[in-house]
C-alpha atoms as a PDB file:
ATOM      1  CA  MET A   1     -17.518 -52.025  22.648  1.00  0.00           C
ATOM      2  CA  THR A   2     -20.493 -53.889  20.849  1.00  0.00           C
ATOM      3  CA  ALA A   3     -22.595 -50.766  21.486  1.00  0.00           C
ATOM      4  CA  ILE A   4     -20.120 -48.384  20.073  1.00  0.00           C
ATOM      5  CA  PHE A   5     -19.492 -50.742  17.153  1.00  0.00           C
ATOM      6  CA  LYS A   6     -23.287 -50.997  16.229  1.00  0.00           C
ATOM      7  CA  LYS A   7     -23.684 -47.151  16.656  1.00  0.00           C
ATOM      8  CA  GLU A   8     -20.727 -46.391  14.323  1.00  0.00           C
ATOM      9  CA  LEU A   9     -21.862 -48.988  11.717  1.00  0.00           C
ATOM     10  CA  ARG A  10     -25.378 -47.788  11.528  1.00  0.00           C
ATOM     11  CA  SER A  11     -24.060 -44.043  11.252  1.00  0.00           C
ATOM     12  CA  TYR A  12     -21.881 -44.941   8.252  1.00  0.00           C
ATOM     13  CA  PHE A  13     -24.869 -46.573   6.335  1.00  0.00           C
ATOM     14  CA  ARG A  14     -27.596 -44.168   7.500  1.00  0.00           C
ATOM     15  CA  GLY A  15     -25.443 -41.271   5.971  1.00  0.00           C
ATOM     16  CA  MET A  16     -23.543 -41.010   2.665  1.00  0.00           C
ATOM     17  CA  ILE A  17     -20.025 -41.936   3.711  1.00  0.00           C
ATOM     18  CA  GLY A  18     -20.525 -45.714   4.142  1.00  0.00           C
ATOM     19  CA  CYS A  19     -22.436 -45.872   0.755  1.00  0.00           C
ATOM     20  CA  LEU A  20     -19.952 -43.655  -0.987  1.00  0.00           C
ATOM     21  CA  PHE A  21     -17.098 -45.712   0.077  1.00  0.00           C
ATOM     22  CA  VAL A  22     -18.631 -49.133  -0.952  1.00  0.00           C
ATOM     23  CA  ALA A  23     -19.767 -47.638  -4.387  1.00  0.00           C
ATOM     24  CA  LEU A  24     -16.320 -46.183  -4.965  1.00  0.00           C
ATOM     25  CA  PHE A  25     -14.477 -49.453  -4.430  1.00  0.00           C
ATOM     26  CA  LEU A  26     -16.876 -51.483  -6.433  1.00  0.00           C
ATOM     27  CA  VAL A  27     -16.826 -49.042  -9.309  1.00  0.00           C
ATOM     28  CA  VAL A  28     -13.044 -48.827  -9.444  1.00  0.00           C
ATOM     29  CA  ILE A  29     -12.650 -52.683  -8.962  1.00  0.00           C
ATOM     30  CA  GLY A  30     -15.322 -53.141 -11.632  1.00  0.00           C
ATOM     31  CA  LEU A  31     -13.519 -51.002 -14.119  1.00  0.00           C
ATOM     32  CA  TYR A  32     -10.260 -52.827 -13.644  1.00  0.00           C
ATOM     33  CA  VAL A  33     -11.804 -56.222 -13.820  1.00  0.00           C
ATOM     34  CA  TYR A  34     -13.334 -55.155 -17.189  1.00  0.00           C
ATOM     35  CA  ALA A  35     -10.269 -53.716 -18.520  1.00  0.00           C
ATOM     36  CA  ILE A  36      -8.043 -56.745 -17.373  1.00  0.00           C
ATOM     37  CA  CYS A  37     -10.355 -59.914 -17.706  1.00  0.00           C
ATOM     38  CA  PHE A  38     -12.785 -58.944 -20.412  1.00  0.00           C
ATOM     39  CA  ALA A  39     -11.128 -56.240 -22.687  1.00  0.00           C
ATOM     40  CA  ASN A  40      -7.719 -58.040 -22.656  1.00  0.00           C
ATOM     41  CA  SER A  41      -9.097 -61.534 -22.131  1.00  0.00           C
ATOM     42  CA  SER A  42      -6.666 -62.150 -19.303  1.00  0.00           C
ATOM     43  CA  PRO A  43      -7.540 -64.763 -16.526  1.00  0.00           C
ATOM     44  CA  HIS A  44      -5.543 -62.809 -13.985  1.00  0.00           C
ATOM     45  CA  TYR A  45      -8.289 -61.134 -11.971  1.00  0.00           C
ATOM     46  CA  GLU A  46      -5.872 -60.639  -9.074  1.00  0.00           C
ATOM     47  CA  TYR A  47      -4.236 -57.835 -11.079  1.00  0.00           C
ATOM     48  CA  ALA A  48      -7.269 -55.861 -10.689  1.00  0.00           C
ATOM     49  CA  TYR A  49      -6.514 -55.559  -6.816  1.00  0.00           C
ATOM     50  CA  TYR A  50      -2.931 -54.604  -7.644  1.00  0.00           C
ATOM     51  CA  ASN A  51      -3.994 -51.862  -9.937  1.00  0.00           C
ATOM     52  CA  CYS A  52      -6.782 -50.336  -7.896  1.00  0.00           C
ATOM     53  CA  SER A  53      -4.855 -50.060  -4.598  1.00  0.00           C
ATOM     54  CA  PHE A  54      -4.321 -46.461  -5.293  1.00  0.00           C
ATOM     55  CA  ILE A  55      -8.021 -45.862  -4.311  1.00  0.00           C
ATOM     56  CA  PHE A  56      -7.115 -46.040  -0.670  1.00  0.00           C
ATOM     57  CA  LEU A  57      -5.569 -42.573  -1.028  1.00  0.00           C
ATOM     58  CA  ILE A  58      -9.162 -41.131  -1.540  1.00  0.00           C
ATOM     59  CA  ALA A  59     -11.367 -43.765   0.199  1.00  0.00           C
ATOM     60  CA  VAL A  60      -9.467 -44.141   3.676  1.00  0.00           C
ATOM     61  CA  PRO A  61      -9.418 -40.319   4.276  1.00  0.00           C
ATOM     62  CA  VAL A  62     -13.237 -40.148   3.420  1.00  0.00           C
ATOM     63  CA  LEU A  63     -14.083 -43.080   5.761  1.00  0.00           C
ATOM     64  CA  THR A  64     -11.804 -42.145   8.803  1.00  0.00           C
ATOM     65  CA  MET A  65     -11.888 -38.406   8.720  1.00  0.00           C
ATOM     66  CA  ARG A  66     -15.002 -38.196  10.988  1.00  0.00           C
ATOM     67  CA  SER A  67     -14.160 -41.151  13.189  1.00  0.00           C
ATOM     68  CA  ILE A  68     -12.899 -39.210  16.078  1.00  0.00           C
ATOM     69  CA  ALA A  69     -12.470 -35.706  14.799  1.00  0.00           C
ATOM     70  CA  GLU A  70     -16.226 -35.097  14.515  1.00  0.00           C
ATOM     71  CA  GLU A  71     -16.504 -36.443  18.148  1.00  0.00           C
ATOM     72  CA  ARG A  72     -13.969 -33.741  19.256  1.00  0.00           C
ATOM     73  CA  ARG A  73     -15.711 -31.064  17.144  1.00  0.00           C
ATOM     74  CA  GLN A  74     -19.044 -31.646  18.664  1.00  0.00           C
ATOM     75  CA  LYS A  75     -17.491 -32.333  22.095  1.00  0.00           C
ATOM     76  CA  THR A  76     -19.373 -35.676  22.261  1.00  0.00           C
ATOM     77  CA  ASP A  77     -15.852 -37.287  22.971  1.00  0.00           C
ATOM     78  CA  GLN A  78     -16.536 -36.325  26.604  1.00  0.00           C
ATOM     79  CA  LEU A  79     -19.182 -38.559  26.710  1.00  0.00           C
ATOM     80  CA  LEU A  80     -17.130 -41.343  25.474  1.00  0.00           C
ATOM     81  CA  TYR A  81     -14.777 -40.745  28.547  1.00  0.00           C
ATOM     82  CA  SER A  82     -17.698 -41.196  30.833  1.00  0.00           C
ATOM     83  CA  LEU A  83     -18.576 -44.511  29.419  1.00  0.00           C
ATOM     84  CA  PRO A  84     -17.933 -47.663  31.749  1.00  0.00           C
ATOM     85  CA  VAL A  85     -15.420 -48.964  28.928  1.00  0.00           C
ATOM     86  CA  SER A  86     -11.744 -48.364  28.246  1.00  0.00           C
ATOM     87  CA  MET A  87     -10.503 -46.177  25.560  1.00  0.00           C
ATOM     88  CA  THR A  88      -9.182 -49.211  23.952  1.00  0.00           C
ATOM     89  CA  GLN A  89     -12.654 -50.737  23.554  1.00  0.00           C
ATOM     90  CA  VAL A  90     -13.926 -47.483  22.204  1.00  0.00           C
ATOM     91  CA  VAL A  91     -11.253 -47.226  19.649  1.00  0.00           C
ATOM     92  CA  LEU A  92     -11.680 -50.984  18.713  1.00  0.00           C
ATOM     93  CA  GLY A  93     -15.388 -50.573  18.419  1.00  0.00           C
ATOM     94  CA  LYS A  94     -15.042 -47.573  15.907  1.00  0.00           C
ATOM     95  CA  TYR A  95     -12.222 -49.519  14.115  1.00  0.00           C
ATOM     96  CA  PHE A  96     -14.139 -52.592  13.621  1.00  0.00           C
ATOM     97  CA  ALA A  97     -17.222 -50.700  12.330  1.00  0.00           C
ATOM     98  CA  MET A  98     -14.872 -49.336   9.604  1.00  0.00           C
ATOM     99  CA  LEU A  99     -13.460 -52.704   8.863  1.00  0.00           C
ATOM    100  CA  CYS A 100     -16.956 -54.079   8.335  1.00  0.00           C
ATOM    101  CA  VAL A 101     -17.768 -51.124   5.914  1.00  0.00           C
ATOM    102  CA  PHE A 102     -14.460 -51.949   4.109  1.00  0.00           C
ATOM    103  CA  ALA A 103     -15.292 -55.702   3.965  1.00  0.00           C
ATOM    104  CA  VAL A 104     -18.500 -55.151   2.098  1.00  0.00           C
ATOM    105  CA  PRO A 105     -16.835 -54.193  -1.353  1.00  0.00           C
ATOM    106  CA  VAL A 106     -14.005 -56.829  -0.707  1.00  0.00           C
ATOM    107  CA  LEU A 107     -16.490 -59.471  -0.389  1.00  0.00           C
ATOM    108  CA  VAL A 108     -18.541 -58.355  -3.271  1.00  0.00           C
ATOM    109  CA  SER A 109     -15.526 -58.258  -5.320  1.00  0.00           C
ATOM    110  CA  CYS A 110     -14.907 -61.970  -4.525  1.00  0.00           C
ATOM    111  CA  VAL A 111     -18.184 -62.740  -6.385  1.00  0.00           C
ATOM    112  CA  TYR A 112     -16.619 -61.112  -9.651  1.00  0.00           C
ATOM    113  CA  PRO A 113     -14.262 -63.912 -10.357  1.00  0.00           C
ATOM    114  CA  PHE A 114     -17.116 -66.461 -10.583  1.00  0.00           C
ATOM    115  CA  LEU A 115     -18.667 -64.314 -13.352  1.00  0.00           C
ATOM    116  CA  VAL A 116     -15.323 -63.999 -15.037  1.00  0.00           C
ATOM    117  CA  HIS A 117     -14.809 -67.646 -14.935  1.00  0.00           C
ATOM    118  CA  LEU A 118     -18.133 -68.033 -16.792  1.00  0.00           C
ATOM    119  CA  TYR A 119     -16.669 -66.006 -19.898  1.00  0.00           C
ATOM    120  CA  ASP A 120     -13.225 -67.486 -19.561  1.00  0.00           C
ATOM    121  CA  PRO A 121     -12.611 -69.920 -22.282  1.00  0.00           C
ATOM    122  CA  SER A 122      -9.052 -70.857 -21.331  1.00  0.00           C
ATOM    123  CA  GLY A 123      -9.986 -72.023 -17.825  1.00  0.00           C
ATOM    124  CA  TYR A 124      -6.762 -70.519 -16.382  1.00  0.00           C
ATOM    125  CA  LEU A 125      -8.284 -68.266 -13.805  1.00  0.00           C
ATOM    126  CA  SER A 126      -6.813 -69.177 -10.471  1.00  0.00           C
ATOM    127  CA  PHE A 127      -9.137 -68.855  -7.662  1.00  0.00           C
ATOM    128  CA  SER A 128      -6.668 -69.425  -5.057  1.00  0.00           C
ATOM    129  CA  ALA A 129      -4.568 -66.496  -6.409  1.00  0.00           C
ATOM    130  CA  VAL A 130      -7.683 -64.369  -6.470  1.00  0.00           C
ATOM    131  CA  PHE A 131      -8.768 -65.049  -2.907  1.00  0.00           C
ATOM    132  CA  VAL A 132      -5.196 -64.727  -1.696  1.00  0.00           C
ATOM    133  CA  ALA A 133      -4.854 -61.275  -3.318  1.00  0.00           C
ATOM    134  CA  ALA A 134      -8.282 -60.289  -1.793  1.00  0.00           C
ATOM    135  CA  GLY A 135      -7.137 -61.286   1.682  1.00  0.00           C
ATOM    136  CA  ALA A 136      -3.955 -59.198   1.253  1.00  0.00           C
ATOM    137  CA  PHE A 137      -5.981 -56.284  -0.195  1.00  0.00           C
ATOM    138  CA  PHE A 138      -8.284 -56.409   3.111  1.00  0.00           C
ATOM    139  CA  LEU A 139      -5.164 -56.559   5.435  1.00  0.00           C
ATOM    140  CA  LEU A 140      -3.584 -53.600   3.351  1.00  0.00           C
ATOM    141  CA  GLY A 141      -6.764 -51.637   3.857  1.00  0.00           C
ATOM    142  CA  SER A 142      -6.975 -52.583   7.563  1.00  0.00           C
ATOM    143  CA  ALA A 143      -3.418 -51.162   7.942  1.00  0.00           C
ATOM    144  CA  LEU A 144      -4.309 -47.887   6.202  1.00  0.00           C
ATOM    145  CA  ILE A 145      -7.542 -47.447   7.973  1.00  0.00           C
ATOM    146  CA  ALA A 146      -5.716 -47.721  11.297  1.00  0.00           C
ATOM    147  CA  ILE A 147      -3.410 -44.950  10.148  1.00  0.00           C
ATOM    148  CA  GLY A 148      -6.244 -42.792   9.074  1.00  0.00           C
ATOM    149  CA  MET A 149      -8.138 -43.307  12.321  1.00  0.00           C
ATOM    150  CA  PHE A 150      -4.957 -42.104  14.171  1.00  0.00           C
ATOM    151  CA  MET A 151      -4.637 -38.866  12.051  1.00  0.00           C
ATOM    152  CA  SER A 152      -8.435 -38.285  12.896  1.00  0.00           C
ATOM    153  CA  SER A 153      -7.515 -38.347  16.547  1.00  0.00           C
ATOM    154  CA  LEU A 154      -4.981 -35.646  16.143  1.00  0.00           C
ATOM    155  CA  THR A 155      -7.634 -32.946  15.106  1.00  0.00           C
ATOM    156  CA  GLU A 156     -11.195 -31.812  15.601  1.00  0.00           C
ATOM    157  CA  ASN A 157     -11.490 -30.665  11.964  1.00  0.00           C
ATOM    158  CA  GLN A 158     -12.604 -33.301   9.541  1.00  0.00           C
ATOM    159  CA  ILE A 159     -10.925 -31.600   6.447  1.00  0.00           C
ATOM    160  CA  VAL A 160      -7.785 -31.326   8.306  1.00  0.00           C
ATOM    161  CA  SER A 161      -7.995 -34.856   9.426  1.00  0.00           C
ATOM    162  CA  ALA A 162      -8.779 -36.052   5.567  1.00  0.00           C
ATOM    163  CA  VAL A 163      -5.675 -33.943   4.488  1.00  0.00           C
ATOM    164  CA  ILE A 164      -3.119 -35.356   6.781  1.00  0.00           C
ATOM    165  CA  SER A 165      -4.402 -38.838   6.218  1.00  0.00           C
ATOM    166  CA  PHE A 166      -4.109 -38.392   2.609  1.00  0.00           C
ATOM    167  CA  ILE A 167      -0.572 -37.021   2.939  1.00  0.00           C
ATOM    168  CA  ALA A 168       0.356 -39.960   5.278  1.00  0.00           C
ATOM    169  CA  ILE A 169      -0.918 -42.651   3.007  1.00  0.00           C
ATOM    170  CA  LEU A 170       0.652 -40.927  -0.121  1.00  0.00           C
ATOM    171  CA  PHE A 171       3.895 -41.219   1.534  1.00  0.00           C
ATOM    172  CA  VAL A 172       3.139 -44.881   2.426  1.00  0.00           C
ATOM    173  CA  TYR A 173       2.036 -45.364  -1.333  1.00  0.00           C
ATOM    174  CA  LEU A 174       5.132 -43.889  -2.706  1.00  0.00           C
ATOM    175  CA  MET A 175       7.594 -45.166  -0.241  1.00  0.00           C
ATOM    176  CA  GLY A 176       8.549 -48.198  -2.591  1.00  0.00           C
ATOM    177  CA  GLN A 177       9.206 -45.818  -5.495  1.00  0.00           C
ATOM    178  CA  LEU A 178      11.123 -43.367  -3.291  1.00  0.00           C
ATOM    179  CA  SER A 179      13.222 -46.280  -2.254  1.00  0.00           C
ATOM    180  CA  GLN A 180      14.493 -46.588  -5.861  1.00  0.00           C
ATOM    181  CA  MET A 181      14.587 -42.918  -6.820  1.00  0.00           C
ATOM    182  CA  LEU A 182      16.348 -41.641  -3.727  1.00  0.00           C
ATOM    183  CA  SER A 183      20.119 -41.577  -3.773  1.00  0.00           C
ATOM    184  CA  GLY A 184      21.834 -44.035  -1.244  1.00  0.00           C
ATOM    185  CA  THR A 185      24.603 -41.630  -0.508  1.00  0.00           C
ATOM    186  CA  SER A 186      25.431 -41.007   3.282  1.00  0.00           C
ATOM    187  CA  GLY A 187      24.648 -37.256   2.803  1.00  0.00           C
ATOM    188  CA  VAL A 188      21.150 -37.769   1.317  1.00  0.00           C
ATOM    189  CA  THR A 189      20.425 -40.562   3.881  1.00  0.00           C
ATOM    190  CA  ALA A 190      21.361 -38.309   6.799  1.00  0.00           C
ATOM    191  CA  ILE A 191      19.114 -35.543   5.666  1.00  0.00           C
ATOM    192  CA  VAL A 192      16.210 -37.626   4.819  1.00  0.00           C
ATOM    193  CA  PHE A 193      16.460 -39.386   8.338  1.00  0.00           C
ATOM    194  CA  ALA A 194      16.769 -36.150   9.974  1.00  0.00           C
ATOM    195  CA  PHE A 195      13.531 -34.938   8.319  1.00  0.00           C
ATOM    196  CA  LEU A 196      11.590 -38.318   9.228  1.00  0.00           C
ATOM    197  CA  ILE A 197      12.929 -37.930  12.756  1.00  0.00           C
ATOM    198  CA  LEU A 198      11.612 -34.315  13.076  1.00  0.00           C
ATOM    199  CA  LEU A 199       8.269 -35.725  11.819  1.00  0.00           C
ATOM    200  CA  LEU A 200       8.303 -38.378  14.366  1.00  0.00           C
ATOM    201  CA  SER A 201       9.156 -35.884  17.196  1.00  0.00           C
ATOM    202  CA  LEU A 202       6.369 -33.619  16.223  1.00  0.00           C
ATOM    203  CA  LEU A 203       4.108 -36.606  16.175  1.00  0.00           C
ATOM    204  CA  VAL A 204       5.233 -37.592  19.649  1.00  0.00           C
ATOM    205  CA  PHE A 205       4.562 -34.084  20.881  1.00  0.00           C
ATOM    206  CA  PHE A 206       0.908 -34.077  19.309  1.00  0.00           C
ATOM    207  CA  VAL A 207       0.222 -37.344  21.018  1.00  0.00           C
ATOM    208  CA  THR A 208       1.653 -36.643  24.430  1.00  0.00           C
ATOM    209  CA  LYS A 209       1.222 -32.702  24.420  1.00  0.00           C
ATOM    210  CA  SER A 210       4.857 -32.730  26.102  1.00  0.00           C
ATOM    211  CA  LYS A 211       7.604 -30.671  24.470  1.00  0.00           C
ATOM    212  CA  THR A 212      10.006 -32.652  26.547  1.00  0.00           C
ATOM    213  CA  ALA A 213       8.963 -35.802  25.041  1.00  0.00           C
ATOM    214  CA  GLY A 214       9.198 -34.533  21.621  1.00  0.00           C
ATOM    215  CA  TRP A 215      12.707 -32.941  22.030  1.00  0.00           C
ATOM    216  CA  LEU A 216      13.753 -36.192  23.935  1.00  0.00           C
ATOM    217  CA  VAL A 217      12.796 -38.278  21.021  1.00  0.00           C
ATOM    218  CA  PHE A 218      14.354 -35.939  18.295  1.00  0.00           C
ATOM    219  CA  PHE A 219      17.869 -35.893  20.290  1.00  0.00           C
ATOM    220  CA  VAL A 220      17.930 -39.624  21.033  1.00  0.00           C
ATOM    221  CA  LEU A 221      17.298 -40.442  17.312  1.00  0.00           C
ATOM    222  CA  GLU A 222      19.084 -37.566  15.664  1.00  0.00           C
ATOM    223  CA  VAL A 223      22.436 -37.501  17.660  1.00  0.00           C
ATOM    224  CA  PRO A 224      23.463 -41.041  16.434  1.00  0.00           C
ATOM    225  CA  ILE A 225      22.788 -40.175  12.910  1.00  0.00           C
ATOM    226  CA  ILE A 226      24.907 -37.000  13.097  1.00  0.00           C
ATOM    227  CA  VAL A 227      27.688 -38.914  14.886  1.00  0.00           C
ATOM    228  CA  ILE A 228      27.723 -41.721  12.226  1.00  0.00           C
ATOM    229  CA  SER A 229      27.569 -39.256   9.358  1.00  0.00           C
ATOM    230  CA  PHE A 230      30.853 -37.684  10.708  1.00  0.00           C
ATOM    231  CA  LEU A 231      32.636 -40.739  11.979  1.00  0.00           C
ATOM    232  CA  LYS A 232      31.383 -43.643   9.901  1.00  0.00           C
ATOM    233  CA  PRO A 233      29.456 -42.269   6.675  1.00  0.00           C
ATOM    234  CA  THR A 234      29.884 -45.584   4.938  1.00  0.00           C
ATOM    235  CA  LEU A 235      27.283 -47.058   7.296  1.00  0.00           C
ATOM    236  CA  LEU A 236      24.612 -44.839   5.989  1.00  0.00           C
ATOM    237  CA  GLU A 237      25.410 -45.540   2.260  1.00  0.00           C
ATOM    238  CA  GLY A 238      22.474 -47.666   0.693  1.00  0.00           C
ATOM    239  CA  LEU A 239      20.508 -47.546   4.123  1.00  0.00           C
ATOM    240  CA  LEU A 240      17.592 -45.270   2.885  1.00  0.00           C
ATOM    241  CA  PRO A 241      16.499 -47.396   0.079  1.00  0.00           C
ATOM    242  CA  LYS A 242      16.812 -50.714   2.092  1.00  0.00           C
ATOM    243  CA  VAL A 243      14.742 -49.072   5.059  1.00  0.00           C
ATOM    244  CA  PHE A 244      12.143 -47.724   2.579  1.00  0.00           C
ATOM    245  CA  GLY A 245      11.794 -50.916   0.841  1.00  0.00           C
ATOM    246  CA  VAL A 246      11.394 -52.958   4.042  1.00  0.00           C
ATOM    247  CA  LEU A 247       8.812 -50.650   5.597  1.00  0.00           C
ATOM    248  CA  SER A 248       6.692 -50.123   2.559  1.00  0.00           C
ATOM    249  CA  VAL A 249       3.287 -51.858   3.069  1.00  0.00           C
ATOM    250  CA  TYR A 250       2.512 -51.395  -0.697  1.00  0.00           C
ATOM    251  CA  GLU A 251       5.460 -53.304  -1.804  1.00  0.00           C
ATOM    252  CA  ARG A 252       4.525 -56.132   0.635  1.00  0.00           C
ATOM    253  CA  PHE A 253       1.084 -56.131  -0.956  1.00  0.00           C
ATOM    254  CA  TYR A 254       2.426 -56.293  -4.450  1.00  0.00           C
ATOM    255  CA  SER A 255       3.879 -59.806  -3.801  1.00  0.00           C
ATOM    256  CA  PHE A 256       0.548 -61.190  -2.971  1.00  0.00           C
ATOM    257  CA  ALA A 257      -1.015 -59.805  -6.094  1.00  0.00           C
ATOM    258  CA  ASP A 258       1.798 -61.618  -7.968  1.00  0.00           C
ATOM    259  CA  GLY A 259       0.445 -64.836  -6.258  1.00  0.00           C
ATOM    260  CA  LEU A 260       3.013 -65.357  -3.539  1.00  0.00           C
ATOM    261  CA  VAL A 261       1.828 -66.025   0.082  1.00  0.00           C
ATOM    262  CA  ASP A 262       4.103 -64.285   2.431  1.00  0.00           C
ATOM    263  CA  LEU A 263       3.127 -64.900   5.969  1.00  0.00           C
ATOM    264  CA  LYS A 264       5.704 -62.269   7.177  1.00  0.00           C
ATOM    265  CA  SER A 265       3.892 -59.528   5.200  1.00  0.00           C
ATOM    266  CA  ALA A 266       0.625 -60.461   6.554  1.00  0.00           C
ATOM    267  CA  LEU A 267       2.039 -60.211  10.001  1.00  0.00           C
ATOM    268  CA  TYR A 268       3.422 -56.893   9.053  1.00  0.00           C
ATOM    269  CA  PHE A 269       0.094 -55.497   7.905  1.00  0.00           C
ATOM    270  CA  VAL A 270      -1.355 -56.734  11.266  1.00  0.00           C
ATOM    271  CA  THR A 271       1.588 -55.092  13.253  1.00  0.00           C
ATOM    272  CA  VAL A 272       1.212 -51.762  11.384  1.00  0.00           C
ATOM    273  CA  ALA A 273      -2.598 -51.717  12.303  1.00  0.00           C
ATOM    274  CA  VAL A 274      -2.020 -52.770  15.923  1.00  0.00           C
ATOM    275  CA  LEU A 275       0.748 -49.951  16.322  1.00  0.00           C
ATOM    276  CA  PHE A 276      -1.573 -47.142  14.936  1.00  0.00           C
ATOM    277  CA  LEU A 277      -4.417 -48.334  17.113  1.00  0.00           C
ATOM    278  CA  VAL A 278      -2.147 -48.203  20.075  1.00  0.00           C
ATOM    279  CA  PHE A 279      -1.254 -44.504  19.018  1.00  0.00           C
ATOM    280  CA  THR A 280      -4.820 -43.695  18.703  1.00  0.00           C
ATOM    281  CA  VAL A 281      -5.670 -45.045  22.242  1.00  0.00           C
ATOM    282  CA  GLN A 282      -2.761 -42.908  23.590  1.00  0.00           C
ATOM    283  CA  SER A 283      -3.901 -39.799  21.812  1.00  0.00           C
ATOM    284  CA  MET A 284      -7.336 -40.209  23.160  1.00  0.00           C
ATOM    285  CA  GLU A 285      -6.132 -41.009  26.734  1.00  0.00           C
ATOM    286  CA  LYS A 286      -4.049 -37.916  26.620  1.00  0.00           C
ATOM    287  CA  ARG A 287      -6.836 -35.732  25.664  1.00  0.00           C
ATOM    288  CA  ARG A 288      -8.885 -37.228  28.624  1.00  0.00           C
ATOM    289  CA  TRP A 289      -6.462 -36.059  31.166  1.00  0.00           C
ATOM    290  CA  SER A 290      -5.420 -32.676  29.570  1.00  0.00           C
END
């Protein structure tokens, strides 16, 4: 795993992707720091992380698009299967390399508060709030990178990988807003859940390459929704906004940006990252034996 980690880390900084990723984050964070702390004379540096969290929509697909898709395109993934390491170690080696690339701009951004403090006459800048927000920002990025890595394992085309990663992260980004915009009626809830179950079934099919598994997931999850919508539709009322609100990783991050330390949310970020890493391992294992 160490050898894979070092190889991946070198490849990011020998090429343009790692430098572009770091530069993009530092420029965006720097602009928001200037706008919030200097232009508006506000001591709330942590709001810079809050406002620039949209950058993951662009940065994560750029970072993750080649992680596995490029290996599949060049057929070098066959070499990975012959290594004396497990697929879990291969995936973790690649994932930790991307985390290190992401950690660079996060660590550099932690220096900015000291510069802001020098020009903060009020002395109200809270370093604890800043570092809590920075830690949550890193955990959010860790979860989204795991999602992007999984999307990269589904295709051998980097562009396709970037596009589906963007769509997945856009959905995650908008999930909190959708929970407020969508109607909580039973009919709308049933329709949206049916669509999401269909997407999940397709995802299972792509991972397992088994139509039986895909159809099984669809029917096992869809039949109860249909039954409830006909027999007890009141159980579905208001359920959709609640589910989206609970699952939204961005909404959980925003609480950290407001200065709140929520260990459950931190654990949720880790859980999402682990879950999609497991999906990635399973996707590569399935390709090994297919």
